[in-house]
PDB file of N, CA and C in Angstrom:
ATOM      1  N   MET A   1       0.884  -1.267  -0.111  1.00  0.00           N
ATOM      2  CA  MET A   1      -0.235  -0.020   0.030  1.00  0.00           C
ATOM      3  C   MET A   1       1.049   1.409  -0.081  1.00  0.00           C
ATOM      4  N   SER A   2       0.391   2.568  -0.732  1.00  0.00           N
ATOM      5  CA  SER A   2       0.830   3.745  -0.496  1.00  0.00           C
ATOM      6  C   SER A   2       0.852   4.320   0.482  1.00  0.00           C
ATOM      7  N   LEU A   3       1.738   5.094   0.478  1.00  0.00           N
ATOM      8  CA  LEU A   3       1.666   6.189   2.050  1.00  0.00           C
ATOM      9  C   LEU A   3       0.654   7.248   1.734  1.00  0.00           C
ATOM     10  N   ASN A   4       0.056   7.225   1.246  1.00  0.00           N
ATOM     11  CA  ASN A   4      -1.341   8.261   1.358  1.00  0.00           C
ATOM     12  C   ASN A   4      -2.296   7.460   1.886  1.00  0.00           C
ATOM     13  N   TRP A   5      -2.659   5.934   1.557  1.00  0.00           N
ATOM     14  CA  TRP A   5      -3.582   5.092   2.266  1.00  0.00           C
ATOM     15  C   TRP A   5      -3.543   4.953   3.701  1.00  0.00           C
ATOM     16  N   HIS A   6      -2.028   4.829   4.122  1.00  0.00           N
ATOM     17  CA  HIS A   6      -1.661   5.013   5.154  1.00  0.00           C
ATOM     18  C   HIS A   6      -2.464   6.320   6.072  1.00  0.00           C
ATOM     19  N   ARG A   7      -2.059   7.365   5.047  1.00  0.00           N
ATOM     20  CA  ARG A   7      -2.654   8.480   5.726  1.00  0.00           C
ATOM     21  C   ARG A   7      -3.943   8.885   6.042  1.00  0.00           C
ATOM     22  N   LEU A   8      -4.654   8.117   4.924  1.00  0.00           N
ATOM     23  CA  LEU A   8      -5.998   8.136   5.193  1.00  0.00           C
ATOM     24  C   LEU A   8      -6.654   7.756   5.961  1.00  0.00           C
ATOM     25  N   ARG A   9      -6.150   6.080   6.117  1.00  0.00           N
ATOM     26  CA  ARG A   9      -6.868   5.579   7.370  1.00  0.00           C
ATOM     27  C   ARG A   9      -6.471   6.245   8.796  1.00  0.00           C
ATOM     28  N   ALA A  10      -5.157   6.698   8.571  1.00  0.00           N
ATOM     29  CA  ALA A  10      -4.729   7.414  10.123  1.00  0.00           C
ATOM     30  C   ALA A  10      -5.986   8.830  10.209  1.00  0.00           C
ATOM     31  N   ASN A  11      -6.191   9.445   9.165  1.00  0.00           N
ATOM     32  CA  ASN A  11      -6.940  10.398   9.524  1.00  0.00           C
ATOM     33  C   ASN A  11      -8.258   9.848   9.755  1.00  0.00           C
ATOM     34  N   VAL A  12      -9.049   8.890   9.133  1.00  0.00           N
ATOM     35  CA  VAL A  12     -10.386   8.150   9.385  1.00  0.00           C
ATOM     36  C   VAL A  12     -10.314   7.954  10.778  1.00  0.00           C
ATOM     37  N   ALA A  13      -9.280   6.830  11.522  1.00  0.00           N
ATOM     38  CA  ALA A  13      -9.265   6.998  12.615  1.00  0.00           C
ATOM     39  C   ALA A  13      -9.157   7.928  13.579  1.00  0.00           C
ATOM     40  N   CYS A  14      -8.534   8.983  13.444  1.00  0.00           N
ATOM     41  CA  CYS A  14      -8.823  10.109  14.155  1.00  0.00           C
ATOM     42  C   CYS A  14      -9.935  10.799  14.085  1.00  0.00           C
ATOM     43  N   LEU A  15     -10.614  10.915  12.978  1.00  0.00           N
ATOM     44  CA  LEU A  15     -12.164  11.361  13.016  1.00  0.00           C
ATOM     45  C   LEU A  15     -13.122  10.369  14.066  1.00  0.00           C
ATOM     46  N   VAL A  16     -12.765   9.139  13.801  1.00  0.00           N
ATOM     47  CA  VAL A  16     -13.597   8.193  14.667  1.00  0.00           C
ATOM     48  C   VAL A  16     -13.595   8.410  16.108  1.00  0.00           C
ATOM     49  N   ASP A  17     -12.001   8.763  16.741  1.00  0.00           N
ATOM     50  CA  ASP A  17     -11.906   9.026  17.861  1.00  0.00           C
ATOM     51  C   ASP A  17     -12.260  10.128  18.699  1.00  0.00           C
ATOM     52  N   TRP A  18     -12.455  11.221  17.554  1.00  0.00           N
ATOM     53  CA  TRP A  18     -12.966  12.714  18.024  1.00  0.00           C
ATOM     54  C   TRP A  18     -14.827  12.727  17.991  1.00  0.00           C
ATOM     55  N   LEU A  19     -15.157  11.719  17.437  1.00  0.00           N
ATOM     56  CA  LEU A  19     -16.778  11.183  17.380  1.00  0.00           C
ATOM     57  C   LEU A  19     -16.893  10.403  18.521  1.00  0.00           C
ATOM     58  N   ARG A  20     -16.212   9.810  18.885  1.00  0.00           N
ATOM     59  CA  ARG A  20     -16.322   8.826  19.862  1.00  0.00           C
ATOM     60  C   ARG A  20     -16.643   9.615  21.463  1.00  0.00           C
ATOM     61  N   ILE A  21     -15.457  10.670  21.564  1.00  0.00           N
ATOM     62  CA  ILE A  21     -15.053  11.774  22.542  1.00  0.00           C
ATOM     63  C   ILE A  21     -16.719  12.441  22.613  1.00  0.00           C
ATOM     64  N   ALA A  22     -16.759  13.139  21.185  1.00  0.00           N
ATOM     65  CA  ALA A  22     -18.036  13.794  21.508  1.00  0.00           C
ATOM     66  C   ALA A  22     -19.352  13.344  21.542  1.00  0.00           C
ATOM     67  N   ALA A  23     -19.405  12.170  21.230  1.00  0.00           N
ATOM     68  CA  ALA A  23     -20.899  11.265  22.154  1.00  0.00           C
ATOM     69  C   ALA A  23     -20.505  11.238  23.092  1.00  0.00           C
ATOM     70  N   LYS A  24     -19.378  10.510  23.516  1.00  0.00           N
ATOM     71  CA  LYS A  24     -19.554  10.387  25.441  1.00  0.00           C
ATOM     72  C   LYS A  24     -19.704  11.824  26.337  1.00  0.00           C
ATOM     73  N   GLN A  25     -19.395  12.866  25.517  1.00  0.00           N
ATOM     74  CA  GLN A  25     -19.148  14.399  26.663  1.00  0.00           C
ATOM     75  C   GLN A  25     -20.452  15.012  26.293  1.00  0.00           C
ATOM     76  N   GLY A  26     -21.446  14.146  25.296  1.00  0.00           N
ATOM     77  CA  GLY A  26     -22.999  14.759  24.962  1.00  0.00           C
ATOM     78  C   GLY A  26     -22.812  15.889  24.173  1.00  0.00           C
ATOM     79  N   TRP A  27     -21.716  16.071  23.479  1.00  0.00           N
ATOM     80  CA  TRP A  27     -21.531  17.378  22.261  1.00  0.00           C
ATOM     81  C   TRP A  27     -22.476  17.094  21.285  1.00  0.00           C
ATOM     82  N   LEU A  28     -22.856  15.850  20.941  1.00  0.00           N
ATOM     83  CA  LEU A  28     -23.707  15.395  19.451  1.00  0.00           C
ATOM     84  C   LEU A  28     -25.308  15.905  19.963  1.00  0.00           C
ATOM     85  N   GLY A  29     -25.590  15.841  20.982  1.00  0.00           N
ATOM     86  CA  GLY A  29     -26.971  15.859  21.347  1.00  0.00           C
ATOM     87  C   GLY A  29     -27.486  14.512  21.091  1.00  0.00           C
ATOM     88  N   SER A  30     -28.940  14.460  21.162  1.00  0.00           N
ATOM     89  CA  SER A  30     -29.677  13.054  21.286  1.00  0.00           C
ATOM     90  C   SER A  30     -30.328  13.467  19.888  1.00  0.00           C
ATOM     91  N   VAL A  31     -30.589  12.120  19.082  1.00  0.00           N
ATOM     92  CA  VAL A  31     -31.402  12.291  17.901  1.00  0.00           C
ATOM     93  C   VAL A  31     -32.906  12.146  18.174  1.00  0.00           C
ATOM     94  N   ARG A  32     -33.165  11.698  19.101  1.00  0.00           N
ATOM     95  CA  ARG A  32     -34.646  11.312  19.561  1.00  0.00           C
ATOM     96  C   ARG A  32     -35.004  12.547  20.245  1.00  0.00           C
ATOM     97  N   SER A  33     -34.317  13.626  20.742  1.00  0.00           N
ATOM     98  CA  SER A  33     -35.445  14.576  21.088  1.00  0.00           C
ATOM     99  C   SER A  33     -35.486  15.577  19.718  1.00  0.00           C
ATOM    100  N   ALA A  34     -34.224  15.489  19.117  1.00  0.00           N
ATOM    101  CA  ALA A  34     -34.482  16.249  17.762  1.00  0.00           C
ATOM    102  C   ALA A  34     -35.384  15.825  16.739  1.00  0.00           C
ATOM    103  N   ARG A  35     -35.829  14.460  17.120  1.00  0.00           N
ATOM    104  CA  ARG A  35     -37.049  14.022  16.379  1.00  0.00           C
ATOM    105  C   ARG A  35     -38.395  14.300  16.600  1.00  0.00           C
ATOM    106  N   ARG A  36     -38.240  14.556  17.923  1.00  0.00           N
ATOM    107  CA  ARG A  36     -39.757  14.783  19.113  1.00  0.00           C
ATOM    108  C   ARG A  36     -39.998  16.217  18.676  1.00  0.00           C
ATOM    109  N   GLU A  37     -38.962  17.337  18.689  1.00  0.00           N
ATOM    110  CA  GLU A  37     -38.902  18.856  18.183  1.00  0.00           C
ATOM    111  C   GLU A  37     -39.596  18.856  17.073  1.00  0.00           C
ATOM    112  N   GLY A  38     -39.457  17.942  16.127  1.00  0.00           N
ATOM    113  CA  GLY A  38     -40.085  18.433  14.695  1.00  0.00           C
ATOM    114  C   GLY A  38     -38.646  18.953  13.941  1.00  0.00           C
ATOM    115  N   GLU A  39     -38.424  20.194  14.285  1.00  0.00           N
ATOM    116  CA  GLU A  39     -37.510  20.997  13.941  1.00  0.00           C
ATOM    117  C   GLU A  39     -36.372  21.390  14.596  1.00  0.00           C
ATOM    118  N   ARG A  40     -35.030  21.109  13.781  1.00  0.00           N
ATOM    119  CA  ARG A  40     -33.797  21.530  14.460  1.00  0.00           C
ATOM    120  C   ARG A  40     -34.155  22.860  15.626  1.00  0.00           C
ATOM    121  N   ARG A  41     -33.179  22.716  16.538  1.00  0.00           N
ATOM    122  CA  ARG A  41     -32.917  23.568  17.563  1.00  0.00           C
ATOM    123  C   ARG A  41     -32.841  24.686  17.510  1.00  0.00           C
ATOM    124  N   PHE A  42     -31.643  24.822  16.719  1.00  0.00           N
ATOM    125  CA  PHE A  42     -31.140  26.244  16.202  1.00  0.00           C
ATOM    126  C   PHE A  42     -31.431  26.657  14.771  1.00  0.00           C
ATOM    127  N   LYS A  43     -32.462  26.463  14.478  1.00  0.00           N
ATOM    128  CA  LYS A  43     -32.758  26.698  13.080  1.00  0.00           C
ATOM    129  C   LYS A  43     -32.910  28.224  12.717  1.00  0.00           C
ATOM    130  N   GLY A  44     -33.435  28.592  13.956  1.00  0.00           N
ATOM    131  CA  GLY A  44     -33.984  30.281  13.935  1.00  0.00           C
ATOM    132  C   GLY A  44     -32.552  31.101  14.062  1.00  0.00           C
ATOM    133  N   ALA A  45     -31.378  30.752  14.586  1.00  0.00           N
ATOM    134  CA  ALA A  45     -30.386  30.991  14.939  1.00  0.00           C
ATOM    135  C   ALA A  45     -29.608  31.087  13.491  1.00  0.00           C
ATOM    136  N   GLY A  46     -29.459  30.179  12.911  1.00  0.00           N
ATOM    137  CA  GLY A  46     -28.662  29.665  11.813  1.00  0.00           C
ATOM    138  C   GLY A  46     -29.224  30.875  10.369  1.00  0.00           C
ATOM    139  N   GLU A  47     -30.701  30.680  10.603  1.00  0.00           N
ATOM    140  CA  GLU A  47     -31.090  31.578   9.788  1.00  0.00           C
ATOM    141  C   GLU A  47     -30.960  33.468  10.268  1.00  0.00           C
ATOM    142  N   ARG A  48     -30.718  33.661  11.283  1.00  0.00           N
ATOM    143  CA  ARG A  48     -30.373  35.014  11.482  1.00  0.00           C
ATOM    144  C   ARG A  48     -29.001  35.173  11.296  1.00  0.00           C
ATOM    145  N   ALA A  49     -28.035  34.308  11.498  1.00  0.00           N
ATOM    146  CA  ALA A  49     -26.709  34.124  10.990  1.00  0.00           C
ATOM    147  C   ALA A  49     -26.776  34.612   9.554  1.00  0.00           C
ATOM    148  N   ALA A  50     -27.231  33.572   9.007  1.00  0.00           N
ATOM    149  CA  ALA A  50     -27.106  34.160   7.355  1.00  0.00           C
ATOM    150  C   ALA A  50     -27.523  35.499   6.946  1.00  0.00           C
ATOM    151  N   ALA A  51     -28.954  35.868   7.656  1.00  0.00           N
ATOM    152  CA  ALA A  51     -28.975  36.941   7.171  1.00  0.00           C
ATOM    153  C   ALA A  51     -28.112  38.238   7.355  1.00  0.00           C
ATOM    154  N   LYS A  52     -27.514  38.158   8.686  1.00  0.00           N
ATOM    155  CA  LYS A  52     -26.373  39.077   9.035  1.00  0.00           C
ATOM    156  C   LYS A  52     -25.239  39.133   8.330  1.00  0.00           C
ATOM    157  N   LEU A  53     -24.865  37.560   7.633  1.00  0.00           N
ATOM    158  CA  LEU A  53     -23.710  37.565   6.791  1.00  0.00           C
ATOM    159  C   LEU A  53     -23.878  38.191   5.533  1.00  0.00           C
ATOM    160  N   ALA A  54     -25.376  38.038   4.971  1.00  0.00           N
ATOM    161  CA  ALA A  54     -25.637  38.540   3.432  1.00  0.00           C
ATOM    162  C   ALA A  54     -25.792  40.283   3.693  1.00  0.00           C
ATOM    163  N   LYS A  55     -26.048  40.837   5.067  1.00  0.00           N
ATOM    164  CA  LYS A  55     -26.138  41.948   5.260  1.00  0.00           C
ATOM    165  C   LYS A  55     -24.534  42.567   4.813  1.00  0.00           C
ATOM    166  N   TYR A  56     -23.839  41.982   5.816  1.00  0.00           N
ATOM    167  CA  TYR A  56     -22.405  42.449   5.895  1.00  0.00           C
ATOM    168  C   TYR A  56     -21.506  42.231   4.578  1.00  0.00           C
ATOM    169  N   ARG A  57     -21.751  41.239   3.736  1.00  0.00           N
ATOM    170  CA  ARG A  57     -21.603  41.067   2.181  1.00  0.00           C
ATOM    171  C   ARG A  57     -22.065  42.294   1.322  1.00  0.00           C
ATOM    172  N   TRP A  58     -23.292  42.785   1.827  1.00  0.00           N
ATOM    173  CA  TRP A  58     -23.518  43.974   0.945  1.00  0.00           C
ATOM    174  C   TRP A  58     -22.951  44.890   1.205  1.00  0.00           C
ATOM    175  N   ARG A  59     -22.725  45.476   2.724  1.00  0.00           N
ATOM    176  CA  ARG A  59     -21.961  46.663   3.091  1.00  0.00           C
ATOM    177  C   ARG A  59     -20.785  46.743   2.439  1.00  0.00           C
ATOM    178  N   ILE A  60     -20.257  45.842   2.620  1.00  0.00           N
ATOM    179  CA  ILE A  60     -18.440  45.739   2.424  1.00  0.00           C
ATOM    180  C   ILE A  60     -18.443  45.456   1.022  1.00  0.00           C
ATOM    181  N   GLY A  61     -19.345  45.408  -0.102  1.00  0.00           N
ATOM    182  CA  GLY A  61     -19.740  45.517  -1.590  1.00  0.00           C
ATOM    183  C   GLY A  61     -19.179  44.034  -1.885  1.00  0.00           C
ATOM    184  N   LEU A  62     -19.395  42.997  -1.370  1.00  0.00           N
ATOM    185  CA  LEU A  62     -19.149  41.674  -1.972  1.00  0.00           C
ATOM    186  C   LEU A  62     -20.070  40.892  -2.513  1.00  0.00           C
ATOM    187  N   ALA A  63     -21.714  41.720  -2.710  1.00  0.00           N
ATOM    188  CA  ALA A  63     -22.722  41.294  -2.984  1.00  0.00           C
ATOM    189  C   ALA A  63     -22.875  41.165  -4.501  1.00  0.00           C
ATOM    190  N   GLN A  64     -22.086  42.176  -5.207  1.00  0.00           N
ATOM    191  CA  GLN A  64     -22.005  42.480  -6.428  1.00  0.00           C
ATOM    192  C   GLN A  64     -20.694  42.121  -6.997  1.00  0.00           C
ATOM    193  N   PRO A  65     -21.190  41.925  -8.428  1.00  0.00           N
ATOM    194  CA  PRO A  65     -19.754  41.370  -9.148  1.00  0.00           C
ATOM    195  C   PRO A  65     -18.652  42.754  -9.327  1.00  0.00           C
ATOM    196  N   TYR A  66     -17.607  42.186  -9.581  1.00  0.00           N
ATOM    197  CA  TYR A  66     -16.532  43.627  -9.669  1.00  0.00           C
ATOM    198  C   TYR A  66     -15.389  42.979 -10.301  1.00  0.00           C
ATOM    199  N   GLY A  67     -14.680  44.178 -11.221  1.00  0.00           N
ATOM    200  CA  GLY A  67     -13.828  43.668 -12.014  1.00  0.00           C
ATOM    201  C   GLY A  67     -13.836  44.539 -13.228  1.00  0.00           C
ATOM    202  N   PRO A  68     -12.850  44.028 -14.156  1.00  0.00           N
ATOM    203  CA  PRO A  68     -12.856  44.882 -15.263  1.00  0.00           C
ATOM    204  C   PRO A  68     -14.081  44.478 -16.436  1.00  0.00           C
ATOM    205  N   LYS A  69     -14.384  43.065 -16.056  1.00  0.00           N
ATOM    206  CA  LYS A  69     -15.381  42.447 -16.910  1.00  0.00           C
ATOM    207  C   LYS A  69     -16.640  42.431 -16.469  1.00  0.00           C
ATOM    208  N   ALA A  70     -17.106  42.483 -15.101  1.00  0.00           N
ATOM    209  CA  ALA A  70     -18.076  43.159 -14.812  1.00  0.00           C
ATOM    210  C   ALA A  70     -18.452  44.696 -15.033  1.00  0.00           C
ATOM    211  N   ALA A  71     -17.586  45.512 -15.129  1.00  0.00           N
ATOM    212  CA  ALA A  71     -17.897  46.915 -15.563  1.00  0.00           C
ATOM    213  C   ALA A  71     -17.992  47.065 -16.801  1.00  0.00           C
ATOM    214  N   ALA A  72     -17.425  46.097 -18.010  1.00  0.00           N
ATOM    215  CA  ALA A  72     -17.700  46.414 -19.041  1.00  0.00           C
ATOM    216  C   ALA A  72     -19.345  45.599 -19.518  1.00  0.00           C
ATOM    217  N   LEU A  73     -19.610  44.631 -18.519  1.00  0.00           N
ATOM    218  CA  LEU A  73     -20.823  44.217 -18.921  1.00  0.00           C
ATOM    219  C   LEU A  73     -22.009  44.744 -17.827  1.00  0.00           C
ATOM    220  N   ALA A  74     -21.522  46.131 -17.456  1.00  0.00           N
ATOM    221  CA  ALA A  74     -22.306  46.996 -16.944  1.00  0.00           C
ATOM    222  C   ALA A  74     -23.054  46.558 -15.621  1.00  0.00           C
ATOM    223  N   LEU A  75     -22.495  45.297 -15.005  1.00  0.00           N
ATOM    224  CA  LEU A  75     -22.842  44.605 -13.974  1.00  0.00           C
ATOM    225  C   LEU A  75     -22.398  45.294 -12.429  1.00  0.00           C
ATOM    226  N   GLY A  76     -21.200  45.565 -12.302  1.00  0.00           N
ATOM    227  CA  GLY A  76     -20.686  46.370 -11.137  1.00  0.00           C
ATOM    228  C   GLY A  76     -19.120  47.358 -11.460  1.00  0.00           C
ATOM    229  N   GLU A  77     -18.820  47.738 -10.529  1.00  0.00           N
ATOM    230  CA  GLU A  77     -17.463  48.601 -10.521  1.00  0.00           C
ATOM    231  C   GLU A  77     -16.660  47.634 -11.212  1.00  0.00           C
ATOM    232  N   GLU A  78     -15.442  48.521 -11.500  1.00  0.00           N
ATOM    233  CA  GLU A  78     -13.942  47.785 -12.040  1.00  0.00           C
ATOM    234  C   GLU A  78     -13.166  47.682 -10.376  1.00  0.00           C
ATOM    235  N   LEU A  79     -13.686  48.573  -9.816  1.00  0.00           N
ATOM    236  CA  LEU A  79     -12.605  48.566  -8.336  1.00  0.00           C
ATOM    237  C   LEU A  79     -13.053  47.461  -7.395  1.00  0.00           C
ATOM    238  N   PRO A  80     -12.232  46.811  -6.816  1.00  0.00           N
ATOM    239  CA  PRO A  80     -12.363  45.967  -6.084  1.00  0.00           C
ATOM    240  C   PRO A  80     -13.019  46.625  -4.531  1.00  0.00           C
ATOM    241  N   PRO A  81     -13.842  45.714  -3.931  1.00  0.00           N
ATOM    242  CA  PRO A  81     -14.308  46.868  -2.670  1.00  0.00           C
ATOM    243  C   PRO A  81     -13.428  47.059  -1.735  1.00  0.00           C
ATOM    244  N   SER A  82     -11.992  46.395  -1.304  1.00  0.00           N
ATOM    245  CA  SER A  82     -11.126  46.972  -0.843  1.00  0.00           C
ATOM    246  C   SER A  82     -10.367  48.445  -1.485  1.00  0.00           C
ATOM    247  N   ARG A  83     -10.435  48.953  -2.471  1.00  0.00           N
ATOM    248  CA  ARG A  83      -9.970  49.519  -2.950  1.00  0.00           C
ATOM    249  C   ARG A  83     -10.864  50.979  -3.222  1.00  0.00           C
ATOM    250  N   ARG A  84     -12.133  50.533  -3.005  1.00  0.00           N
ATOM    251  CA  ARG A  84     -13.298  51.947  -2.829  1.00  0.00           C
ATOM    252  C   ARG A  84     -13.695  52.504  -1.907  1.00  0.00           C
ATOM    253  N   PRO A  85     -14.010  53.817  -2.010  1.00  0.00           N
ATOM    254  CA  PRO A  85     -13.872  54.850  -1.073  1.00  0.00           C
ATOM    255  C   PRO A  85     -14.895  54.158   0.231  1.00  0.00           C
ATOM    256  N   ARG A  86     -15.282  54.018   1.455  1.00  0.00           N
ATOM    257  CA  ARG A  86     -16.306  53.422   2.219  1.00  0.00           C
ATOM    258  C   ARG A  86     -17.540  54.954   2.109  1.00  0.00           C
ATOM    259  N   GLY A  87     -18.620  53.824   2.554  1.00  0.00           N
ATOM    260  CA  GLY A  87     -19.708  54.739   2.274  1.00  0.00           C
ATOM    261  C   GLY A  87     -21.148  53.645   1.922  1.00  0.00           C
ATOM    262  N   ALA A  88     -22.120  54.227   1.430  1.00  0.00           N
ATOM    263  CA  ALA A  88     -23.136  53.540   0.754  1.00  0.00           C
ATOM    264  C   ALA A  88     -23.057  52.580  -0.211  1.00  0.00           C
ATOM    265  N   PRO A  89     -23.653  51.729  -0.083  1.00  0.00           N
ATOM    266  CA  PRO A  89     -23.698  50.627  -1.159  1.00  0.00           C
ATOM    267  C   PRO A  89     -23.502  51.145  -2.617  1.00  0.00           C
ATOM    268  N   PRO A  90     -23.216  50.339  -3.825  1.00  0.00           N
ATOM    269  CA  PRO A  90     -23.521  51.344  -4.971  1.00  0.00           C
ATOM    270  C   PRO A  90     -24.686  50.852  -5.260  1.00  0.00           C
ATOM    271  N   GLY A  91     -24.904  51.962  -6.080  1.00  0.00           N
ATOM    272  CA  GLY A  91     -26.409  52.155  -6.566  1.00  0.00           C
ATOM    273  C   GLY A  91     -27.422  52.753  -5.761  1.00  0.00           C
ATOM    274  N   THR A  92     -27.477  52.994  -4.376  1.00  0.00           N
ATOM    275  CA  THR A  92     -27.914  53.628  -3.542  1.00  0.00           C
ATOM    276  C   THR A  92     -27.887  55.218  -3.631  1.00  0.00           C
ATOM    277  N   PRO A  93     -28.987  55.818  -3.604  1.00  0.00           N
ATOM    278  CA  PRO A  93     -29.060  57.561  -3.500  1.00  0.00           C
ATOM    279  C   PRO A  93     -28.238  58.085  -2.194  1.00  0.00           C
TER     280      PRO A  93
END
């Protein structure tokens, strides 16, 4: 066998050890309680975090395309967000 297979087996063994530790410590939670509740416990928190990330990406200018190709196609600005002056998102009065 090659060295890559040995590394793969070692990594899988390490993953299994971590899963055993997490299960013993109770970090994985109970599958039964998750099925009883119907929905996942932290679904609302995940949705709020995704909305917050989208708002942040819009604020710093990563929600729109940029670069020479985007400017040529009139889809966005040529300057990357890191080189633009701070202020309102593009397209807002």
